[in-house]
Amino acid sequence: MHHRLKMFLGEAPVEATPAAGITVSLREISDILAEAVTARRTWLQDFADDPIQIPNDLYDVLVAYRRLRKSA
């Protein structure tokens, strides 16, 4: 007999799947990620090659920022 893992959040059960994602604001994670990079946390490397999805305008800003930093 196989047991299926279910998480209960609120009223309805939600299936727990590794591929499921959530939406968070950059504000919610930026301080955490900055501290993790500064402290060289090893768990950050576990996710280094995982794809993430960001808005096009944020990507444009990041690319421009990288170019400015290289030329400085």
PDB file of N, CA and C in Angstrom:
ATOM      1  N   MET A   1       0.835  -1.177   0.000  1.00  0.00           N
ATOM      2  CA  MET A   1       0.000   0.000   0.000  1.00  0.00           C
ATOM      3  C   MET A   1       0.885   1.247   0.000  1.00  0.00           C
ATOM      4  N   HIS A   2       0.678   2.111  -0.981  1.00  0.00           N
ATOM      5  CA  HIS A   2       1.471   3.337  -1.099  1.00  0.00           C
ATOM      6  C   HIS A   2       0.745   4.494  -0.434  1.00  0.00           C
ATOM      7  N   HIS A   3       1.490   5.259   0.343  1.00  0.00           N
ATOM      8  CA  HIS A   3       0.942   6.457   0.974  1.00  0.00           C
ATOM      9  C   HIS A   3       1.366   7.656   0.156  1.00  0.00           C
ATOM     10  N   ARG A   4       0.445   8.567  -0.074  1.00  0.00           N
ATOM     11  CA  ARG A   4       0.755   9.792  -0.796  1.00  0.00           C
ATOM     12  C   ARG A   4       0.852  10.930   0.190  1.00  0.00           C
ATOM     13  N   LEU A   5       1.912  11.709   0.070  1.00  0.00           N
ATOM     14  CA  LEU A   5       2.121  12.855   0.944  1.00  0.00           C
ATOM     15  C   LEU A   5       1.205  13.990   0.517  1.00  0.00           C
ATOM     16  N   LYS A   6       0.446  14.522   1.450  1.00  0.00           N
ATOM     17  CA  LYS A   6      -0.407  15.667   1.179  1.00  0.00           C
ATOM     18  C   LYS A   6      -0.160  16.718   2.241  1.00  0.00           C
ATOM     19  N   MET A   7      -0.110  17.971   1.813  1.00  0.00           N
ATOM     20  CA  MET A   7      -0.001  19.073   2.756  1.00  0.00           C
ATOM     21  C   MET A   7      -1.373  19.713   2.865  1.00  0.00           C
ATOM     22  N   PHE A   8      -1.754  20.046   4.057  1.00  0.00           N
ATOM     23  CA  PHE A   8      -3.038  20.679   4.266  1.00  0.00           C
ATOM     24  C   PHE A   8      -2.805  22.132   4.637  1.00  0.00           C
ATOM     25  N   LEU A   9      -3.168  23.007   3.721  1.00  0.00           N
ATOM     26  CA  LEU A   9      -3.031  24.438   3.917  1.00  0.00           C
ATOM     27  C   LEU A   9      -4.427  25.045   3.835  1.00  0.00           C
ATOM     28  N   GLY A  10      -4.970  25.389   4.952  1.00  0.00           N
ATOM     29  CA  GLY A  10      -6.306  25.962   4.948  1.00  0.00           C
ATOM     30  C   GLY A  10      -7.366  24.886   4.797  1.00  0.00           C
ATOM     31  N   GLU A  11      -8.322  25.131   3.937  1.00  0.00           N
ATOM     32  CA  GLU A  11      -9.483  24.264   3.794  1.00  0.00           C
ATOM     33  C   GLU A  11      -9.223  23.032   2.918  1.00  0.00           C
ATOM     34  N   ALA A  12      -8.587  23.223   1.759  1.00  0.00           N
ATOM     35  CA  ALA A  12      -8.462  22.139   0.790  1.00  0.00           C
ATOM     36  C   ALA A  12      -7.062  21.527   0.814  1.00  0.00           C
ATOM     37  N   PRO A  13      -6.951  20.201   0.681  1.00  0.00           N
ATOM     38  CA  PRO A  13      -5.626  19.585   0.621  1.00  0.00           C
ATOM     39  C   PRO A  13      -4.913  19.955  -0.677  1.00  0.00           C
ATOM     40  N   VAL A  14      -3.592  20.121  -0.579  1.00  0.00           N
ATOM     41  CA  VAL A  14      -2.763  20.453  -1.738  1.00  0.00           C
ATOM     42  C   VAL A  14      -1.728  19.355  -1.898  1.00  0.00           C
ATOM     43  N   GLU A  15      -1.591  18.804  -3.105  1.00  0.00           N
ATOM     44  CA  GLU A  15      -0.593  17.781  -3.372  1.00  0.00           C
ATOM     45  C   GLU A  15       0.802  18.397  -3.287  1.00  0.00           C
ATOM     46  N   ALA A  16       1.717  17.746  -2.608  1.00  0.00           N
ATOM     47  CA  ALA A  16       3.100  18.222  -2.506  1.00  0.00           C
ATOM     48  C   ALA A  16       3.893  17.666  -3.684  1.00  0.00           C
ATOM     49  N   THR A  17       4.386  18.542  -4.524  1.00  0.00           N
ATOM     50  CA  THR A  17       5.198  18.118  -5.662  1.00  0.00           C
ATOM     51  C   THR A  17       6.441  18.976  -5.727  1.00  0.00           C
ATOM     52  N   PRO A  18       7.586  18.385  -6.076  1.00  0.00           N
ATOM     53  CA  PRO A  18       8.824  19.157  -6.154  1.00  0.00           C
ATOM     54  C   PRO A  18       8.775  20.248  -7.218  1.00  0.00           C
ATOM     55  N   ALA A  19       7.986  20.058  -8.283  1.00  0.00           N
ATOM     56  CA  ALA A  19       7.949  21.023  -9.371  1.00  0.00           C
ATOM     57  C   ALA A  19       7.046  22.211  -9.072  1.00  0.00           C
ATOM     58  N   ALA A  20       6.248  22.123  -8.023  1.00  0.00           N
ATOM     59  CA  ALA A  20       5.345  23.224  -7.705  1.00  0.00           C
ATOM     60  C   ALA A  20       6.149  24.444  -7.290  1.00  0.00           C
ATOM     61  N   GLY A  21       5.687  25.598  -7.675  1.00  0.00           N
ATOM     62  CA  GLY A  21       6.379  26.824  -7.322  1.00  0.00           C
ATOM     63  C   GLY A  21       5.431  27.790  -6.653  1.00  0.00           C
ATOM     64  N   ILE A  22       5.983  28.849  -6.115  1.00  0.00           N
ATOM     65  CA  ILE A  22       5.183  29.902  -5.515  1.00  0.00           C
ATOM     66  C   ILE A  22       5.678  31.232  -6.049  1.00  0.00           C
ATOM     67  N   THR A  23       4.874  32.244  -5.917  1.00  0.00           N
ATOM     68  CA  THR A  23       5.250  33.584  -6.346  1.00  0.00           C
ATOM     69  C   THR A  23       5.561  34.424  -5.109  1.00  0.00           C
ATOM     70  N   VAL A  24       6.731  35.043  -5.124  1.00  0.00           N
ATOM     71  CA  VAL A  24       7.141  35.927  -4.034  1.00  0.00           C
ATOM     72  C   VAL A  24       7.684  37.211  -4.646  1.00  0.00           C
ATOM     73  N   SER A  25       7.695  38.251  -3.853  1.00  0.00           N
ATOM     74  CA  SER A  25       8.273  39.505  -4.339  1.00  0.00           C
ATOM     75  C   SER A  25       9.785  39.457  -4.158  1.00  0.00           C
ATOM     76  N   LEU A  26      10.464  40.239  -4.950  1.00  0.00           N
ATOM     77  CA  LEU A  26      11.915  40.332  -4.820  1.00  0.00           C
ATOM     78  C   LEU A  26      12.293  40.836  -3.435  1.00  0.00           C
ATOM     79  N   ARG A  27      11.477  41.717  -2.894  1.00  0.00           N
ATOM     80  CA  ARG A  27      11.716  42.256  -1.552  1.00  0.00           C
ATOM     81  C   ARG A  27      11.763  41.141  -0.503  1.00  0.00           C
ATOM     82  N   GLU A  28      10.912  40.120  -0.673  1.00  0.00           N
ATOM     83  CA  GLU A  28      10.845  39.036   0.299  1.00  0.00           C
ATOM     84  C   GLU A  28      12.123  38.195   0.352  1.00  0.00           C
ATOM     85  N   ILE A  29      12.808  38.084  -0.775  1.00  0.00           N
ATOM     86  CA  ILE A  29      13.969  37.193  -0.809  1.00  0.00           C
ATOM     87  C   ILE A  29      15.311  37.882  -0.964  1.00  0.00           C
ATOM     88  N   SER A  30      15.319  39.172  -1.321  1.00  0.00           N
ATOM     89  CA  SER A  30      16.596  39.832  -1.623  1.00  0.00           C
ATOM     90  C   SER A  30      17.540  39.884  -0.424  1.00  0.00           C
ATOM     91  N   ASP A  31      17.044  40.230   0.748  1.00  0.00           N
ATOM     92  CA  ASP A  31      17.925  40.287   1.927  1.00  0.00           C
ATOM     93  C   ASP A  31      18.452  38.898   2.295  1.00  0.00           C
ATOM     94  N   ILE A  32      17.596  37.905   2.171  1.00  0.00           N
ATOM     95  CA  ILE A  32      18.013  36.533   2.480  1.00  0.00           C
ATOM     96  C   ILE A  32      19.113  36.076   1.526  1.00  0.00           C
ATOM     97  N   LEU A  33      18.910  36.317   0.227  1.00  0.00           N
ATOM     98  CA  LEU A  33      19.911  35.910  -0.759  1.00  0.00           C
ATOM     99  C   LEU A  33      21.204  36.698  -0.608  1.00  0.00           C
ATOM    100  N   ALA A  34      21.097  37.996  -0.335  1.00  0.00           N
ATOM    101  CA  ALA A  34      22.297  38.815  -0.160  1.00  0.00           C
ATOM    102  C   ALA A  34      23.127  38.309   1.019  1.00  0.00           C
ATOM    103  N   GLU A  35      22.472  37.998   2.119  1.00  0.00           N
ATOM    104  CA  GLU A  35      23.193  37.484   3.286  1.00  0.00           C
ATOM    105  C   GLU A  35      23.799  36.119   2.991  1.00  0.00           C
ATOM    106  N   ALA A  36      23.073  35.290   2.260  1.00  0.00           N
ATOM    107  CA  ALA A  36      23.579  33.956   1.928  1.00  0.00           C
ATOM    108  C   ALA A  36      24.813  34.037   1.033  1.00  0.00           C
ATOM    109  N   VAL A  37      24.813  34.964   0.098  1.00  0.00           N
ATOM    110  CA  VAL A  37      25.978  35.148  -0.774  1.00  0.00           C
ATOM    111  C   VAL A  37      27.158  35.670   0.033  1.00  0.00           C
ATOM    112  N   THR A  38      26.915  36.683   0.857  1.00  0.00           N
ATOM    113  CA  THR A  38      27.975  37.262   1.681  1.00  0.00           C
ATOM    114  C   THR A  38      28.578  36.229   2.620  1.00  0.00           C
ATOM    115  N   ALA A  39      27.739  35.404   3.227  1.00  0.00           N
ATOM    116  CA  ALA A  39      28.195  34.399   4.186  1.00  0.00           C
ATOM    117  C   ALA A  39      28.645  33.099   3.504  1.00  0.00           C
ATOM    118  N   ARG A  40      28.571  33.071   2.171  1.00  0.00           N
ATOM    119  CA  ARG A  40      28.986  31.908   1.388  1.00  0.00           C
ATOM    120  C   ARG A  40      28.311  30.627   1.886  1.00  0.00           C
ATOM    121  N   ARG A  41      26.993  30.690   2.030  1.00  0.00           N
ATOM    122  CA  ARG A  41      26.215  29.542   2.496  1.00  0.00           C
ATOM    123  C   ARG A  41      26.242  28.444   1.440  1.00  0.00           C
ATOM    124  N   THR A  42      26.540  27.242   1.868  1.00  0.00           N
ATOM    125  CA  THR A  42      26.661  26.127   0.921  1.00  0.00           C
ATOM    126  C   THR A  42      25.331  25.737   0.307  1.00  0.00           C
ATOM    127  N   TRP A  43      24.224  25.951   1.012  1.00  0.00           N
ATOM    128  CA  TRP A  43      22.933  25.575   0.443  1.00  0.00           C
ATOM    129  C   TRP A  43      22.621  26.362  -0.818  1.00  0.00           C
ATOM    130  N   LEU A  44      23.205  27.540  -0.963  1.00  0.00           N
ATOM    131  CA  LEU A  44      22.971  28.338  -2.157  1.00  0.00           C
ATOM    132  C   LEU A  44      23.478  27.629  -3.403  1.00  0.00           C
ATOM    133  N   GLN A  45      24.571  26.895  -3.273  1.00  0.00           N
ATOM    134  CA  GLN A  45      25.113  26.150  -4.408  1.00  0.00           C
ATOM    135  C   GLN A  45      24.184  25.025  -4.866  1.00  0.00           C
ATOM    136  N   ASP A  46      23.382  24.499  -3.946  1.00  0.00           N
ATOM    137  CA  ASP A  46      22.432  23.449  -4.314  1.00  0.00           C
ATOM    138  C   ASP A  46      21.435  23.937  -5.359  1.00  0.00           C
ATOM    139  N   PHE A  47      21.189  25.232  -5.394  1.00  0.00           N
ATOM    140  CA  PHE A  47      20.196  25.805  -6.299  1.00  0.00           C
ATOM    141  C   PHE A  47      20.825  26.633  -7.418  1.00  0.00           C
ATOM    142  N   ALA A  48      22.141  26.637  -7.503  1.00  0.00           N
ATOM    143  CA  ALA A  48      22.850  27.518  -8.437  1.00  0.00           C
ATOM    144  C   ALA A  48      22.459  27.292  -9.901  1.00  0.00           C
ATOM    145  N   ASP A  49      22.147  26.084 -10.284  1.00  0.00           N
ATOM    146  CA  ASP A  49      21.805  25.793 -11.677  1.00  0.00           C
ATOM    147  C   ASP A  49      20.314  25.663 -11.920  1.00  0.00           C
ATOM    148  N   ASP A  50      19.504  25.897 -10.894  1.00  0.00           N
ATOM    149  CA  ASP A  50      18.049  25.821 -11.058  1.00  0.00           C
ATOM    150  C   ASP A  50      17.550  27.037 -11.832  1.00  0.00           C
ATOM    151  N   PRO A  51      16.650  26.820 -12.785  1.00  0.00           N
ATOM    152  CA  PRO A  51      16.099  27.966 -13.514  1.00  0.00           C
ATOM    153  C   PRO A  51      15.124  28.743 -12.632  1.00  0.00           C
ATOM    154  N   ILE A  52      15.130  30.045 -12.799  1.00  0.00           N
ATOM    155  CA  ILE A  52      14.153  30.897 -12.127  1.00  0.00           C
ATOM    156  C   ILE A  52      13.509  31.773 -13.192  1.00  0.00           C
ATOM    157  N   GLN A  53      12.346  32.283 -12.896  1.00  0.00           N
ATOM    158  CA  GLN A  53      11.659  33.146 -13.848  1.00  0.00           C
ATOM    159  C   GLN A  53      11.568  34.548 -13.265  1.00  0.00           C
ATOM    160  N   ILE A  54      12.029  35.521 -14.047  1.00  0.00           N
ATOM    161  CA  ILE A  54      11.968  36.916 -13.621  1.00  0.00           C
ATOM    162  C   ILE A  54      11.326  37.729 -14.738  1.00  0.00           C
ATOM    163  N   PRO A  55      10.772  38.884 -14.413  1.00  0.00           N
ATOM    164  CA  PRO A  55      10.172  39.731 -15.445  1.00  0.00           C
ATOM    165  C   PRO A  55      11.236  40.264 -16.407  1.00  0.00           C
ATOM    166  N   ASN A  56      10.825  40.545 -17.631  1.00  0.00           N
ATOM    167  CA  ASN A  56      11.751  41.046 -18.653  1.00  0.00           C
ATOM    168  C   ASN A  56      12.433  42.337 -18.236  1.00  0.00           C
ATOM    169  N   ASP A  57      11.689  43.250 -17.609  1.00  0.00           N
ATOM    170  CA  ASP A  57      12.302  44.527 -17.236  1.00  0.00           C
ATOM    171  C   ASP A  57      13.364  44.357 -16.151  1.00  0.00           C
ATOM    172  N   LEU A  58      13.160  43.438 -15.236  1.00  0.00           N
ATOM    173  CA  LEU A  58      14.194  43.169 -14.232  1.00  0.00           C
ATOM    174  C   LEU A  58      15.428  42.566 -14.894  1.00  0.00           C
ATOM    175  N   TYR A  59      15.228  41.668 -15.842  1.00  0.00           N
ATOM    176  CA  TYR A  59      16.359  41.093 -16.564  1.00  0.00           C
ATOM    177  C   TYR A  59      17.158  42.188 -17.275  1.00  0.00           C
ATOM    178  N   ASP A  60      16.463  43.113 -17.928  1.00  0.00           N
ATOM    179  CA  ASP A  60      17.149  44.214 -18.631  1.00  0.00           C
ATOM    180  C   ASP A  60      17.983  45.054 -17.664  1.00  0.00           C
ATOM    181  N   VAL A  61      17.439  45.334 -16.498  1.00  0.00           N
ATOM    182  CA  VAL A  61      18.169  46.110 -15.496  1.00  0.00           C
ATOM    183  C   VAL A  61      19.401  45.344 -15.018  1.00  0.00           C
ATOM    184  N   LEU A  62      19.257  44.057 -14.777  1.00  0.00           N
ATOM    185  CA  LEU A  62      20.397  43.252 -14.316  1.00  0.00           C
ATOM    186  C   LEU A  62      21.507  43.176 -15.359  1.00  0.00           C
ATOM    187  N   VAL A  63      21.137  43.028 -16.620  1.00  0.00           N
ATOM    188  CA  VAL A  63      22.140  42.986 -17.697  1.00  0.00           C
ATOM    189  C   VAL A  63      22.856  44.329 -17.796  1.00  0.00           C
ATOM    190  N   ALA A  64      22.110  45.420 -17.737  1.00  0.00           N
ATOM    191  CA  ALA A  64      22.728  46.747 -17.797  1.00  0.00           C
ATOM    192  C   ALA A  64      23.650  46.963 -16.599  1.00  0.00           C
ATOM    193  N   TYR A  65      23.229  46.537 -15.433  1.00  0.00           N
ATOM    194  CA  TYR A  65      24.051  46.683 -14.224  1.00  0.00           C
ATOM    195  C   TYR A  65      25.347  45.893 -14.349  1.00  0.00           C
ATOM    196  N   ARG A  66      25.255  44.676 -14.884  1.00  0.00           N
ATOM    197  CA  ARG A  66      26.458  43.854 -15.067  1.00  0.00           C
ATOM    198  C   ARG A  66      27.436  44.549 -16.015  1.00  0.00           C
ATOM    199  N   ARG A  67      26.931  45.130 -17.094  1.00  0.00           N
ATOM    200  CA  ARG A  67      27.802  45.842 -18.051  1.00  0.00           C
ATOM    201  C   ARG A  67      28.473  47.034 -17.398  1.00  0.00           C
ATOM    202  N   LEU A  68      27.737  47.775 -16.588  1.00  0.00           N
ATOM    203  CA  LEU A  68      28.313  48.927 -15.901  1.00  0.00           C
ATOM    204  C   LEU A  68      29.406  48.512 -14.931  1.00  0.00           C
ATOM    205  N   ARG A  69      29.187  47.430 -14.221  1.00  0.00           N
ATOM    206  CA  ARG A  69      30.170  46.955 -13.244  1.00  0.00           C
ATOM    207  C   ARG A  69      31.452  46.482 -13.927  1.00  0.00           C
ATOM    208  N   LYS A  70      31.343  45.838 -15.095  1.00  0.00           N
ATOM    209  CA  LYS A  70      32.525  45.353 -15.794  1.00  0.00           C
ATOM    210  C   LYS A  70      33.354  46.519 -16.334  1.00  0.00           C
ATOM    211  N   SER A  71      32.712  47.584 -16.750  1.00  0.00           N
ATOM    212  CA  SER A  71      33.457  48.700 -17.332  1.00  0.00           C
ATOM    213  C   SER A  71      34.050  49.622 -16.267  1.00  0.00           C
ATOM    214  N   ALA A  72      33.605  49.492 -15.042  1.00  0.00           N
ATOM    215  CA  ALA A  72      34.080  50.386 -13.993  1.00  0.00           C
ATOM    216  C   ALA A  72      35.474  50.046 -13.519  1.00  0.00           C
TER     217      ALA A  72
END
